[in-house]
Amino acid sequence: MAQNYLAPIPPRWSGPVIKLLESGDPSKINWTFTAKQEMRMIGLACEQDAFKHCLTTLRTTGIIGECIVGI
């Protein structure tokens, strides 16, 4: 059985996700309980800061993500 692995996030994926986030309403994001906890752990004061952080992270060249096999 194939296992998940770490790899750079390809622009063919991050580009459309960035466009989707930019064209949407950040206040409509349903943040999970875990995400809200992690926001505080990394020093983000509010959900708007987390949204900006997500966009900045996705724009980072060579950022590594988990490739989930079978999806």
N, C-alpha and C. Protein backbone atom coordinates (compact mmCIF):
# COMPACT_ATOMS: atom_id res chain seq x y z
N MET A 1 0.83 -1.18 0.00
CA MET A 1 0.00 0.00 0.00
C MET A 1 0.87 1.24 0.00
N ALA A 2 0.56 2.20 -0.87
CA ALA A 2 1.34 3.43 -0.97
C ALA A 2 1.16 4.30 0.28
N GLN A 3 2.24 4.98 0.65
CA GLN A 3 2.20 5.83 1.84
C GLN A 3 2.24 7.30 1.43
N ASN A 4 1.67 8.14 2.28
CA ASN A 4 1.77 9.58 2.09
C ASN A 4 3.24 9.99 2.19
N TYR A 5 3.58 11.10 1.57
CA TYR A 5 4.96 11.57 1.62
C TYR A 5 4.99 13.09 1.55
N LEU A 6 6.14 13.67 1.92
CA LEU A 6 6.33 15.11 1.88
C LEU A 6 6.94 15.51 0.55
N ALA A 7 6.46 16.61 -0.01
CA ALA A 7 6.96 17.11 -1.28
C ALA A 7 6.62 18.59 -1.40
N PRO A 8 7.34 19.33 -2.26
CA PRO A 8 6.96 20.72 -2.49
C PRO A 8 5.53 20.80 -3.02
N ILE A 9 4.78 21.80 -2.56
CA ILE A 9 3.42 21.99 -3.05
C ILE A 9 3.51 22.56 -4.46
N PRO A 10 2.93 21.88 -5.44
CA PRO A 10 3.05 22.34 -6.82
C PRO A 10 2.21 23.58 -7.10
N PRO A 11 2.74 24.51 -7.88
CA PRO A 11 1.99 25.72 -8.24
C PRO A 11 0.65 25.41 -8.92
N ARG A 12 0.55 24.28 -9.60
CA ARG A 12 -0.72 23.93 -10.25
C ARG A 12 -1.82 23.68 -9.22
N TRP A 13 -1.43 23.43 -7.97
CA TRP A 13 -2.39 23.28 -6.89
C TRP A 13 -2.52 24.57 -6.09
N SER A 14 -1.38 25.14 -5.68
CA SER A 14 -1.42 26.33 -4.82
C SER A 14 -2.00 27.54 -5.54
N GLY A 15 -1.74 27.68 -6.84
CA GLY A 15 -2.27 28.83 -7.58
C GLY A 15 -3.79 28.93 -7.52
N PRO A 16 -4.50 27.86 -7.90
CA PRO A 16 -5.97 27.92 -7.82
C PRO A 16 -6.50 28.10 -6.39
N VAL A 17 -5.81 27.51 -5.40
CA VAL A 17 -6.26 27.66 -4.02
C VAL A 17 -6.10 29.11 -3.58
N ILE A 18 -4.99 29.74 -3.94
CA ILE A 18 -4.77 31.15 -3.61
C ILE A 18 -5.86 32.01 -4.25
N LYS A 19 -6.14 31.77 -5.53
CA LYS A 19 -7.19 32.54 -6.21
C LYS A 19 -8.54 32.36 -5.54
N LEU A 20 -8.85 31.13 -5.14
CA LEU A 20 -10.11 30.86 -4.47
C LEU A 20 -10.20 31.62 -3.14
N LEU A 21 -9.12 31.57 -2.37
CA LEU A 21 -9.11 32.28 -1.09
C LEU A 21 -9.23 33.79 -1.29
N GLU A 22 -8.51 34.33 -2.27
CA GLU A 22 -8.54 35.77 -2.52
C GLU A 22 -9.90 36.25 -3.00
N SER A 23 -10.63 35.40 -3.72
CA SER A 23 -11.91 35.83 -4.27
C SER A 23 -13.07 35.61 -3.29
N GLY A 24 -12.80 34.91 -2.21
CA GLY A 24 -13.85 34.61 -1.24
C GLY A 24 -13.87 35.60 -0.10
N ASP A 25 -14.73 35.32 0.84
CA ASP A 25 -14.91 36.15 2.02
C ASP A 25 -14.25 35.46 3.21
N PRO A 26 -13.13 36.02 3.72
CA PRO A 26 -12.42 35.38 4.83
C PRO A 26 -13.31 35.13 6.06
N SER A 27 -14.34 35.94 6.24
CA SER A 27 -15.21 35.76 7.40
C SER A 27 -16.10 34.53 7.27
N LYS A 28 -16.14 33.93 6.09
CA LYS A 28 -16.97 32.74 5.86
C LYS A 28 -16.22 31.43 6.12
N ILE A 29 -14.95 31.54 6.47
CA ILE A 29 -14.16 30.33 6.74
C ILE A 29 -14.61 29.73 8.06
N ASN A 30 -14.85 28.44 8.06
CA ASN A 30 -15.22 27.71 9.27
C ASN A 30 -13.96 27.09 9.84
N TRP A 31 -13.30 27.80 10.75
CA TRP A 31 -12.07 27.33 11.35
C TRP A 31 -12.38 26.22 12.35
N THR A 32 -11.63 25.15 12.29
CA THR A 32 -11.83 24.05 13.23
C THR A 32 -11.30 24.44 14.61
N PHE A 33 -11.71 23.71 15.60
CA PHE A 33 -11.23 23.93 16.96
C PHE A 33 -9.71 23.81 17.01
N THR A 34 -9.19 22.78 16.34
CA THR A 34 -7.74 22.56 16.30
C THR A 34 -7.03 23.72 15.64
N ALA A 35 -7.58 24.21 14.52
CA ALA A 35 -6.96 25.35 13.84
C ALA A 35 -6.92 26.57 14.75
N LYS A 36 -8.00 26.81 15.48
CA LYS A 36 -8.03 27.96 16.39
C LYS A 36 -6.99 27.82 17.49
N GLN A 37 -6.81 26.61 18.00
CA GLN A 37 -5.78 26.38 19.01
C GLN A 37 -4.39 26.64 18.43
N GLU A 38 -4.17 26.15 17.22
CA GLU A 38 -2.86 26.32 16.59
C GLU A 38 -2.57 27.78 16.26
N MET A 39 -3.61 28.54 15.94
CA MET A 39 -3.42 29.98 15.69
C MET A 39 -2.76 30.63 16.90
N ARG A 40 -3.30 30.34 18.06
CA ARG A 40 -2.76 30.93 19.29
C ARG A 40 -1.35 30.43 19.56
N MET A 41 -1.10 29.14 19.28
CA MET A 41 0.22 28.56 19.55
C MET A 41 1.31 29.23 18.73
N ILE A 42 0.99 29.66 17.50
CA ILE A 42 2.03 30.29 16.67
C ILE A 42 1.96 31.81 16.73
N GLY A 43 1.13 32.35 17.62
CA GLY A 43 1.12 33.78 17.89
C GLY A 43 0.21 34.61 17.01
N LEU A 44 -0.77 33.99 16.36
CA LEU A 44 -1.70 34.76 15.55
C LEU A 44 -2.85 35.23 16.44
N ALA A 45 -3.15 36.52 16.36
CA ALA A 45 -4.10 37.13 17.28
C ALA A 45 -5.56 36.88 16.92
N CYS A 46 -5.83 36.68 15.62
CA CYS A 46 -7.23 36.55 15.20
C CYS A 46 -7.31 35.73 13.91
N GLU A 47 -8.53 35.43 13.51
CA GLU A 47 -8.75 34.63 12.31
C GLU A 47 -8.29 35.37 11.05
N GLN A 48 -8.43 36.69 11.03
CA GLN A 48 -7.95 37.48 9.87
C GLN A 48 -6.44 37.33 9.72
N ASP A 49 -5.71 37.33 10.83
CA ASP A 49 -4.26 37.12 10.79
C ASP A 49 -3.94 35.72 10.27
N ALA A 50 -4.74 34.74 10.69
CA ALA A 50 -4.52 33.36 10.23
C ALA A 50 -4.77 33.26 8.73
N PHE A 51 -5.79 33.92 8.24
CA PHE A 51 -6.09 33.93 6.81
C PHE A 51 -4.91 34.51 6.03
N LYS A 52 -4.39 35.64 6.47
CA LYS A 52 -3.24 36.27 5.81
C LYS A 52 -2.03 35.35 5.86
N HIS A 53 -1.86 34.67 6.99
CA HIS A 53 -0.74 33.73 7.16
C HIS A 53 -0.86 32.56 6.17
N CYS A 54 -2.08 32.06 5.98
CA CYS A 54 -2.31 30.98 5.02
C CYS A 54 -1.91 31.41 3.62
N LEU A 55 -2.34 32.60 3.22
CA LEU A 55 -1.99 33.09 1.88
C LEU A 55 -0.48 33.28 1.73
N THR A 56 0.13 33.86 2.73
CA THR A 56 1.59 34.06 2.68
C THR A 56 2.31 32.73 2.57
N THR A 57 1.87 31.76 3.35
CA THR A 57 2.49 30.43 3.33
C THR A 57 2.33 29.78 1.96
N LEU A 58 1.13 29.84 1.39
CA LEU A 58 0.90 29.23 0.08
C LEU A 58 1.70 29.90 -1.03
N ARG A 59 2.03 31.17 -0.84
CA ARG A 59 2.83 31.90 -1.85
C ARG A 59 4.33 31.63 -1.72
N THR A 60 4.74 30.95 -0.66
CA THR A 60 6.16 30.69 -0.40
C THR A 60 6.68 29.64 -1.39
N THR A 61 7.68 30.02 -2.16
CA THR A 61 8.27 29.10 -3.13
C THR A 61 8.92 27.92 -2.42
N GLY A 62 8.62 26.71 -2.91
CA GLY A 62 9.25 25.51 -2.36
C GLY A 62 8.67 25.03 -1.05
N ILE A 63 7.54 25.59 -0.63
CA ILE A 63 6.94 25.15 0.63
C ILE A 63 6.62 23.67 0.54
N ILE A 64 6.85 22.96 1.62
CA ILE A 64 6.66 21.51 1.65
C ILE A 64 5.29 21.18 2.24
N GLY A 65 4.62 20.23 1.64
CA GLY A 65 3.32 19.77 2.13
C GLY A 65 3.26 18.26 2.09
N GLU A 66 2.21 17.71 2.65
CA GLU A 66 2.03 16.27 2.65
C GLU A 66 1.22 15.88 1.41
N CYS A 67 1.78 15.00 0.62
CA CYS A 67 1.07 14.44 -0.54
C CYS A 67 0.30 13.23 -0.03
N ILE A 68 -1.02 13.33 -0.09
CA ILE A 68 -1.87 12.26 0.43
C ILE A 68 -2.21 11.34 -0.73
N VAL A 69 -1.71 10.13 -0.67
CA VAL A 69 -1.87 9.15 -1.74
C VAL A 69 -3.29 8.62 -1.73
N GLY A 70 -3.86 8.49 -2.92
CA GLY A 70 -5.17 7.87 -3.05
C GLY A 70 -6.33 8.82 -3.03
N ILE A 71 -6.06 10.12 -2.99
CA ILE A 71 -7.15 11.09 -3.01
C ILE A 71 -7.10 11.87 -4.31
